[in-house]
PDB file of N, CA and C in Angstrom:
ATOM      1  N   UNK A   1      25.930  11.079 -54.739  1.00  0.00           N
ATOM      2  CA  UNK A   1      26.234  11.547 -53.404  1.00  0.00           C
ATOM      3  C   UNK A   1      27.722  11.858 -53.240  1.00  0.00           C
ATOM      4  N   UNK A   2      28.580  11.094 -53.917  1.00  0.00           N
ATOM      5  CA  UNK A   2      30.022  11.350 -53.819  1.00  0.00           C
ATOM      6  C   UNK A   2      30.337  12.766 -54.305  1.00  0.00           C
ATOM      7  N   UNK A   3      29.643  13.208 -55.361  1.00  0.00           N
ATOM      8  CA  UNK A   3      29.903  14.550 -55.889  1.00  0.00           C
ATOM      9  C   UNK A   3      29.596  15.631 -54.864  1.00  0.00           C
ATOM     10  N   UNK A   4      28.518  15.450 -54.098  1.00  0.00           N
ATOM     11  CA  UNK A   4      28.172  16.417 -53.050  1.00  0.00           C
ATOM     12  C   UNK A   4      29.268  16.459 -51.993  1.00  0.00           C
ATOM     13  N   UNK A   5      29.765  15.287 -51.590  1.00  0.00           N
ATOM     14  CA  UNK A   5      30.819  15.217 -50.577  1.00  0.00           C
ATOM     15  C   UNK A   5      32.096  15.874 -51.087  1.00  0.00           C
ATOM     16  N   UNK A   6      32.428  15.640 -52.335  1.00  0.00           N
ATOM     17  CA  UNK A   6      33.625  16.249 -52.926  1.00  0.00           C
ATOM     18  C   UNK A   6      33.473  17.766 -52.960  1.00  0.00           C
ATOM     19  N   UNK A   7      32.315  18.244 -53.363  1.00  0.00           N
ATOM     20  CA  UNK A   7      32.074  19.697 -53.398  1.00  0.00           C
ATOM     21  C   UNK A   7      32.224  20.318 -52.012  1.00  0.00           C
ATOM     22  N   UNK A   8      31.681  19.644 -50.996  1.00  0.00           N
ATOM     23  CA  UNK A   8      31.784  20.163 -49.628  1.00  0.00           C
ATOM     24  C   UNK A   8      33.244  20.166 -49.173  1.00  0.00           C
ATOM     25  N   UNK A   9      33.985  19.113 -49.494  1.00  0.00           N
ATOM     26  CA  UNK A   9      35.397  19.041 -49.112  1.00  0.00           C
ATOM     27  C   UNK A   9      36.197  20.140 -49.803  1.00  0.00           C
ATOM     28  N   UNK A  10      35.939  20.357 -51.077  1.00  0.00           N
ATOM     29  CA  UNK A  10      36.657  21.401 -51.822  1.00  0.00           C
ATOM     30  C   UNK A  10      36.373  22.791 -51.247  1.00  0.00           C
ATOM     31  N   UNK A  11      35.104  23.055 -50.909  1.00  0.00           N
ATOM     32  CA  UNK A  11      34.754  24.342 -50.306  1.00  0.00           C
ATOM     33  C   UNK A  11      35.464  24.532 -48.971  1.00  0.00           C
ATOM     34  N   UNK A  12      35.475  23.470 -48.157  1.00  0.00           N
ATOM     35  CA  UNK A  12      36.127  23.566 -46.858  1.00  0.00           C
ATOM     36  C   UNK A  12      37.625  23.813 -47.013  1.00  0.00           C
ATOM     37  N   UNK A  13      38.264  23.081 -47.912  1.00  0.00           N
ATOM     38  CA  UNK A  13      39.710  23.249 -48.093  1.00  0.00           C
ATOM     39  C   UNK A  13      40.040  24.642 -48.620  1.00  0.00           C
ATOM     40  N   UNK A  14      39.258  25.127 -49.569  1.00  0.00           N
ATOM     41  CA  UNK A  14      39.481  26.477 -50.095  1.00  0.00           C
ATOM     42  C   UNK A  14      39.393  27.500 -48.970  1.00  0.00           C
ATOM     43  N   UNK A  15      38.415  27.328 -48.082  1.00  0.00           N
ATOM     44  CA  UNK A  15      38.255  28.233 -46.948  1.00  0.00           C
ATOM     45  C   UNK A  15      39.438  28.121 -45.981  1.00  0.00           C
ATOM     46  N   UNK A  16      39.846  26.902 -45.682  1.00  0.00           N
ATOM     47  CA  UNK A  16      40.981  26.684 -44.760  1.00  0.00           C
ATOM     48  C   UNK A  16      42.264  27.316 -45.280  1.00  0.00           C
ATOM     49  N   UNK A  17      42.483  27.190 -46.597  1.00  0.00           N
ATOM     50  CA  UNK A  17      43.733  27.671 -47.184  1.00  0.00           C
ATOM     51  C   UNK A  17      43.652  29.104 -47.699  1.00  0.00           C
ATOM     52  N   UNK A  18      42.443  29.655 -47.771  1.00  0.00           N
ATOM     53  CA  UNK A  18      42.267  31.007 -48.289  1.00  0.00           C
ATOM     54  C   UNK A  18      42.568  31.101 -49.773  1.00  0.00           C
ATOM     55  N   UNK A  19      42.154  30.064 -50.511  1.00  0.00           N
ATOM     56  CA  UNK A  19      42.382  30.043 -51.961  1.00  0.00           C
ATOM     57  C   UNK A  19      41.062  29.786 -52.681  1.00  0.00           C
ATOM     58  N   UNK A  20      41.082  29.936 -53.988  1.00  0.00           N
ATOM     59  CA  UNK A  20      39.899  29.660 -54.800  1.00  0.00           C
ATOM     60  C   UNK A  20      39.759  28.143 -54.997  1.00  0.00           C
ATOM     61  N   UNK A  21      38.525  27.662 -55.075  1.00  0.00           N
ATOM     62  CA  UNK A  21      38.287  26.241 -55.317  1.00  0.00           C
ATOM     63  C   UNK A  21      38.952  25.777 -56.605  1.00  0.00           C
ATOM     64  N   UNK A  22      39.091  26.683 -57.567  1.00  0.00           N
ATOM     65  CA  UNK A  22      39.704  26.313 -58.848  1.00  0.00           C
ATOM     66  C   UNK A  22      41.177  25.930 -58.700  1.00  0.00           C
ATOM     67  N   UNK A  23      41.779  26.257 -57.560  1.00  0.00           N
ATOM     68  CA  UNK A  23      43.179  25.913 -57.307  1.00  0.00           C
ATOM     69  C   UNK A  23      43.328  24.540 -56.651  1.00  0.00           C
ATOM     70  N   UNK A  24      42.218  23.857 -56.467  1.00  0.00           N
ATOM     71  CA  UNK A  24      42.216  22.545 -55.812  1.00  0.00           C
ATOM     72  C   UNK A  24      41.922  21.465 -56.847  1.00  0.00           C
ATOM     73  N   UNK A  25      42.718  20.412 -56.798  1.00  0.00           N
ATOM     74  CA  UNK A  25      42.536  19.269 -57.693  1.00  0.00           C
ATOM     75  C   UNK A  25      42.010  18.088 -56.895  1.00  0.00           C
ATOM     76  N   UNK A  26      41.013  17.404 -57.439  1.00  0.00           N
ATOM     77  CA  UNK A  26      40.531  16.174 -56.824  1.00  0.00           C
ATOM     78  C   UNK A  26      41.395  15.035 -57.343  1.00  0.00           C
ATOM     79  N   UNK A  27      42.204  14.462 -56.462  1.00  0.00           N
ATOM     80  CA  UNK A  27      43.117  13.389 -56.851  1.00  0.00           C
ATOM     81  C   UNK A  27      42.417  12.039 -56.921  1.00  0.00           C
ATOM     82  N   UNK A  28      41.568  11.763 -55.913  1.00  0.00           N
ATOM     83  CA  UNK A  28      40.966  10.438 -55.853  1.00  0.00           C
ATOM     84  C   UNK A  28      39.744  10.471 -54.944  1.00  0.00           C
ATOM     85  N   UNK A  29      38.746   9.679 -55.298  1.00  0.00           N
ATOM     86  CA  UNK A  29      37.573   9.476 -54.454  1.00  0.00           C
ATOM     87  C   UNK A  29      37.318   7.978 -54.438  1.00  0.00           C
ATOM     88  N   UNK A  30      37.268   7.397 -53.248  1.00  0.00           N
ATOM     89  CA  UNK A  30      37.016   5.962 -53.164  1.00  0.00           C
ATOM     90  C   UNK A  30      35.963   5.656 -52.116  1.00  0.00           C
ATOM     91  N   UNK A  31      35.134   4.662 -52.426  1.00  0.00           N
ATOM     92  CA  UNK A  31      34.118   4.232 -51.469  1.00  0.00           C
ATOM     93  C   UNK A  31      34.795   3.478 -50.342  1.00  0.00           C
ATOM     94  N   UNK A  32      34.323   3.742 -49.112  1.00  0.00           N
ATOM     95  CA  UNK A  32      34.899   3.118 -47.926  1.00  0.00           C
ATOM     96  C   UNK A  32      33.770   2.747 -46.970  1.00  0.00           C
ATOM     97  N   UNK A  33      33.918   1.632 -46.281  1.00  0.00           N
ATOM     98  CA  UNK A  33      33.037   1.294 -45.163  1.00  0.00           C
ATOM     99  C   UNK A  33      33.823   1.586 -43.897  1.00  0.00           C
ATOM    100  N   UNK A  34      33.529   2.731 -43.256  1.00  0.00           N
ATOM    101  CA  UNK A  34      34.214   3.118 -42.023  1.00  0.00           C
ATOM    102  C   UNK A  34      33.772   2.199 -40.898  1.00  0.00           C
ATOM    103  N   UNK A  35      34.673   1.927 -39.947  1.00  0.00           N
ATOM    104  CA  UNK A  35      34.372   1.003 -38.832  1.00  0.00           C
ATOM    105  C   UNK A  35      33.387   1.589 -37.829  1.00  0.00           C
ATOM    106  N   UNK A  36      33.287   2.911 -37.793  1.00  0.00           N
ATOM    107  CA  UNK A  36      32.362   3.555 -36.858  1.00  0.00           C
ATOM    108  C   UNK A  36      32.009   4.935 -37.392  1.00  0.00           C
ATOM    109  N   UNK A  37      31.222   5.676 -36.628  1.00  0.00           N
ATOM    110  CA  UNK A  37      30.751   6.974 -37.111  1.00  0.00           C
ATOM    111  C   UNK A  37      31.790   8.087 -36.999  1.00  0.00           C
ATOM    112  N   UNK A  38      33.011   7.752 -36.552  1.00  0.00           N
ATOM    113  CA  UNK A  38      34.092   8.750 -36.573  1.00  0.00           C
ATOM    114  C   UNK A  38      34.614   8.952 -37.989  1.00  0.00           C
ATOM    115  N   UNK A  39      34.211   8.090 -38.907  1.00  0.00           N
ATOM    116  CA  UNK A  39      34.617   8.156 -40.308  1.00  0.00           C
ATOM    117  C   UNK A  39      36.140   8.053 -40.469  1.00  0.00           C
ATOM    118  N   UNK A  40      36.765   7.299 -39.561  1.00  0.00           N
ATOM    119  CA  UNK A  40      38.211   7.124 -39.650  1.00  0.00           C
ATOM    120  C   UNK A  40      38.998   8.332 -39.165  1.00  0.00           C
ATOM    121  N   UNK A  41      38.326   9.268 -38.525  1.00  0.00           N
ATOM    122  CA  UNK A  41      38.958  10.488 -38.019  1.00  0.00           C
ATOM    123  C   UNK A  41      38.489  10.772 -36.599  1.00  0.00           C
ATOM    124  N   UNK A  42      38.774   9.885 -35.660  1.00  0.00           N
ATOM    125  CA  UNK A  42      38.273  10.094 -34.299  1.00  0.00           C
ATOM    126  C   UNK A  42      38.877  11.325 -33.640  1.00  0.00           C
ATOM    127  N   UNK A  43      38.051  12.028 -32.894  1.00  0.00           N
ATOM    128  CA  UNK A  43      38.482  13.205 -32.144  1.00  0.00           C
ATOM    129  C   UNK A  43      38.628  12.815 -30.678  1.00  0.00           C
ATOM    130  N   UNK A  44      39.680  13.268 -30.013  1.00  0.00           N
ATOM    131  CA  UNK A  44      39.880  12.925 -28.602  1.00  0.00           C
ATOM    132  C   UNK A  44      38.680  13.329 -27.745  1.00  0.00           C
ATOM    133  N   UNK A  45      38.310  12.445 -26.839  1.00  0.00           N
ATOM    134  CA  UNK A  45      37.237  12.750 -25.894  1.00  0.00           C
ATOM    135  C   UNK A  45      35.836  12.555 -26.430  1.00  0.00           C
ATOM    136  N   UNK A  46      35.693  12.131 -27.670  1.00  0.00           N
ATOM    137  CA  UNK A  46      34.355  11.919 -28.244  1.00  0.00           C
ATOM    138  C   UNK A  46      34.080  10.434 -28.369  1.00  0.00           C
ATOM    139  N   UNK A  47      32.824  10.068 -28.277  1.00  0.00           N
ATOM    140  CA  UNK A  47      32.421   8.679 -28.450  1.00  0.00           C
ATOM    141  C   UNK A  47      31.675   8.555 -29.766  1.00  0.00           C
ATOM    142  N   UNK A  48      31.802   7.398 -30.389  1.00  0.00           N
ATOM    143  CA  UNK A  48      31.203   7.180 -31.700  1.00  0.00           C
ATOM    144  C   UNK A  48      30.437   5.853 -31.715  1.00  0.00           C
ATOM    145  N   UNK A  49      29.339   5.844 -32.446  1.00  0.00           N
ATOM    146  CA  UNK A  49      28.571   4.611 -32.598  1.00  0.00           C
ATOM    147  C   UNK A  49      29.414   3.590 -33.355  1.00  0.00           C
ATOM    148  N   UNK A  50      29.437   2.368 -32.836  1.00  0.00           N
ATOM    149  CA  UNK A  50      30.239   1.308 -33.431  1.00  0.00           C
ATOM    150  C   UNK A  50      29.423   0.567 -34.484  1.00  0.00           C
ATOM    151  N   UNK A  51      29.177   1.236 -35.589  1.00  0.00           N
ATOM    152  CA  UNK A  51      28.427   0.648 -36.698  1.00  0.00           C
ATOM    153  C   UNK A  51      29.190   0.914 -37.995  1.00  0.00           C
ATOM    154  N   UNK A  52      29.128  -0.032 -38.898  1.00  0.00           N
ATOM    155  CA  UNK A  52      29.744   0.165 -40.218  1.00  0.00           C
ATOM    156  C   UNK A  52      29.043   1.348 -40.874  1.00  0.00           C
ATOM    157  N   UNK A  53      29.841   2.307 -41.337  1.00  0.00           N
ATOM    158  CA  UNK A  53      29.302   3.545 -41.899  1.00  0.00           C
ATOM    159  C   UNK A  53      29.838   3.731 -43.314  1.00  0.00           C
ATOM    160  N   UNK A  54      29.004   3.487 -44.327  1.00  0.00           N
ATOM    161  CA  UNK A  54      29.456   3.658 -45.710  1.00  0.00           C
ATOM    162  C   UNK A  54      29.732   5.124 -46.018  1.00  0.00           C
ATOM    163  N   UNK A  55      30.768   5.363 -46.804  1.00  0.00           N
ATOM    164  CA  UNK A  55      31.102   6.731 -47.184  1.00  0.00           C
ATOM    165  C   UNK A  55      32.221   6.782 -48.194  1.00  0.00           C
ATOM    166  N   UNK A  56      32.987   7.866 -48.139  1.00  0.00           N
ATOM    167  CA  UNK A  56      34.024   8.099 -49.143  1.00  0.00           C
ATOM    168  C   UNK A  56      35.294   8.639 -48.508  1.00  0.00           C
ATOM    169  N   UNK A  57      36.423   8.277 -49.088  1.00  0.00           N
ATOM    170  CA  UNK A  57      37.720   8.897 -48.790  1.00  0.00           C
ATOM    171  C   UNK A  57      37.993   9.819 -49.975  1.00  0.00           C
ATOM    172  N   UNK A  58      38.210  11.090 -49.693  1.00  0.00           N
ATOM    173  CA  UNK A  58      38.404  12.097 -50.739  1.00  0.00           C
ATOM    174  C   UNK A  58      39.804  12.669 -50.581  1.00  0.00           C
ATOM    175  N   UNK A  59      40.604  12.554 -51.623  1.00  0.00           N
ATOM    176  CA  UNK A  59      41.972  13.058 -51.596  1.00  0.00           C
ATOM    177  C   UNK A  59      42.035  14.276 -52.519  1.00  0.00           C
ATOM    178  N   UNK A  60      42.388  15.419 -51.942  1.00  0.00           N
ATOM    179  CA  UNK A  60      42.496  16.663 -52.694  1.00  0.00           C
ATOM    180  C   UNK A  60      43.947  17.130 -52.687  1.00  0.00           C
ATOM    181  N   UNK A  61      44.291  17.927 -53.683  1.00  0.00           N
ATOM    182  CA  UNK A  61      45.636  18.494 -53.729  1.00  0.00           C
ATOM    183  C   UNK A  61      45.541  19.988 -53.986  1.00  0.00           C
ATOM    184  N   UNK A  62      46.378  20.738 -53.248  1.00  0.00           N
ATOM    185  CA  UNK A  62      46.448  22.189 -53.421  1.00  0.00           C
ATOM    186  C   UNK A  62      47.819  22.657 -52.960  1.00  0.00           C
ATOM    187  N   UNK A  63      48.376  23.593 -53.671  1.00  0.00           N
ATOM    188  CA  UNK A  63      49.670  24.174 -53.303  1.00  0.00           C
ATOM    189  C   UNK A  63      50.750  23.101 -53.097  1.00  0.00           C
ATOM    190  N   UNK A  64      50.695  22.043 -53.896  1.00  0.00           N
ATOM    191  CA  UNK A  64      51.705  20.992 -53.811  1.00  0.00           C
ATOM    192  C   UNK A  64      51.552  20.046 -52.633  1.00  0.00           C
ATOM    193  N   UNK A  65      50.465  20.162 -51.883  1.00  0.00           N
ATOM    194  CA  UNK A  65      50.228  19.289 -50.731  1.00  0.00           C
ATOM    195  C   UNK A  65      48.961  18.478 -50.949  1.00  0.00           C
ATOM    196  N   UNK A  66      48.894  17.349 -50.260  1.00  0.00           N
ATOM    197  CA  UNK A  66      47.726  16.479 -50.340  1.00  0.00           C
ATOM    198  C   UNK A  66      46.923  16.597 -49.045  1.00  0.00           C
ATOM    199  N   UNK A  67      45.605  16.610 -49.181  1.00  0.00           N
ATOM    200  CA  UNK A  67      44.694  16.742 -48.049  1.00  0.00           C
ATOM    201  C   UNK A  67      43.652  15.640 -48.131  1.00  0.00           C
ATOM    202  N   UNK A  68      43.298  15.093 -46.974  1.00  0.00           N
ATOM    203  CA  UNK A  68      42.349  13.979 -46.946  1.00  0.00           C
ATOM    204  C   UNK A  68      41.083  14.372 -46.202  1.00  0.00           C
ATOM    205  N   UNK A  69      39.959  14.054 -46.821  1.00  0.00           N
ATOM    206  CA  UNK A  69      38.641  14.253 -46.222  1.00  0.00           C
ATOM    207  C   UNK A  69      37.931  12.907 -46.199  1.00  0.00           C
ATOM    208  N   UNK A  70      37.101  12.712 -45.183  1.00  0.00           N
ATOM    209  CA  UNK A  70      36.292  11.504 -45.073  1.00  0.00           C
ATOM    210  C   UNK A  70      34.837  11.922 -44.979  1.00  0.00           C
ATOM    211  N   UNK A  71      33.961  11.094 -45.529  1.00  0.00           N
ATOM    212  CA  UNK A  71      32.539  11.418 -45.463  1.00  0.00           C
ATOM    213  C   UNK A  71      31.721  10.158 -45.230  1.00  0.00           C
ATOM    214  N   UNK A  72      30.471  10.383 -44.843  1.00  0.00           N
ATOM    215  CA  UNK A  72      29.508   9.293 -44.854  1.00  0.00           C
ATOM    216  C   UNK A  72      28.559   9.566 -46.019  1.00  0.00           C
ATOM    217  N   UNK A  73      27.531   8.791 -46.156  1.00  0.00           N
ATOM    218  CA  UNK A  73      26.601   8.995 -47.269  1.00  0.00           C
ATOM    219  C   UNK A  73      25.404   9.849 -46.865  1.00  0.00           C
ATOM    220  N   UNK A  74      25.492  10.459 -45.685  1.00  0.00           N
ATOM    221  CA  UNK A  74      24.401  11.301 -45.195  1.00  0.00           C
ATOM    222  C   UNK A  74      24.731  12.779 -45.270  1.00  0.00           C
ATOM    223  N   UNK A  75      25.877  13.117 -45.850  1.00  0.00           N
ATOM    224  CA  UNK A  75      26.229  14.522 -46.006  1.00  0.00           C
ATOM    225  C   UNK A  75      27.224  15.047 -44.993  1.00  0.00           C
ATOM    226  N   UNK A  76      27.765  14.178 -44.145  1.00  0.00           N
ATOM    227  CA  UNK A  76      28.793  14.606 -43.190  1.00  0.00           C
ATOM    228  C   UNK A  76      30.166  14.456 -43.837  1.00  0.00           C
ATOM    229  N   UNK A  77      30.943  15.528 -43.818  1.00  0.00           N
ATOM    230  CA  UNK A  77      32.285  15.528 -44.394  1.00  0.00           C
ATOM    231  C   UNK A  77      33.233  16.113 -43.363  1.00  0.00           C
ATOM    232  N   UNK A  78      34.360  15.416 -43.111  1.00  0.00           N
ATOM    233  CA  UNK A  78      35.324  15.901 -42.127  1.00  0.00           C
ATOM    234  C   UNK A  78      36.723  15.950 -42.726  1.00  0.00           C
ATOM    235  N   UNK A  79      37.445  17.001 -42.374  1.00  0.00           N
ATOM    236  CA  UNK A  79      38.864  17.102 -42.719  1.00  0.00           C
ATOM    237  C   UNK A  79      39.593  16.155 -41.800  1.00  0.00           C
ATOM    238  N   UNK A  80      40.491  15.358 -42.345  1.00  0.00           N
ATOM    239  CA  UNK A  80      41.170  14.346 -41.547  1.00  0.00           C
ATOM    240  C   UNK A  80      42.672  14.584 -41.595  1.00  0.00           C
ATOM    241  N   UNK A  81      43.182  15.323 -40.614  1.00  0.00           N
ATOM    242  CA  UNK A  81      44.613  15.647 -40.573  1.00  0.00           C
ATOM    243  C   UNK A  81      45.457  14.416 -40.280  1.00  0.00           C
ATOM    244  N   UNK A  82      44.934  13.508 -39.446  1.00  0.00           N
ATOM    245  CA  UNK A  82      45.656  12.281 -39.108  1.00  0.00           C
ATOM    246  C   UNK A  82      44.722  11.087 -39.297  1.00  0.00           C
ATOM    247  N   UNK A  83      44.573  10.638 -40.542  1.00  0.00           N
ATOM    248  CA  UNK A  83      43.643   9.541 -40.834  1.00  0.00           C
ATOM    249  C   UNK A  83      44.029   8.245 -40.130  1.00  0.00           C
ATOM    250  N   UNK A  84      43.022   7.504 -39.717  1.00  0.00           N
ATOM    251  CA  UNK A  84      43.206   6.155 -39.190  1.00  0.00           C
ATOM    252  C   UNK A  84      42.131   5.277 -39.809  1.00  0.00           C
ATOM    253  N   UNK A  85      42.376   4.011 -39.842  1.00  0.00           N
ATOM    254  CA  UNK A  85      41.386   3.103 -40.448  1.00  0.00           C
ATOM    255  C   UNK A  85      40.492   2.517 -39.404  1.00  0.00           C
TER     256      UNK A  85
END
């Protein structure tokens, strides 16, 4: 499942940056138990279920910058510009 999340994150980042996926490096993937369904990336004005949500922290690198994505194990992947725990 981690591979699917990484693939989705890489596709999203390539689209955001307007580059080929081959220009993106996967730096690190780690299993995480998020405190709620925001996956550590809460959006203002939204409410989230307060349940432990297993998933992954995905760190990608492109163009000399690092980008962080968070996922759950159900196929949800979010770009996290300002990660919180």
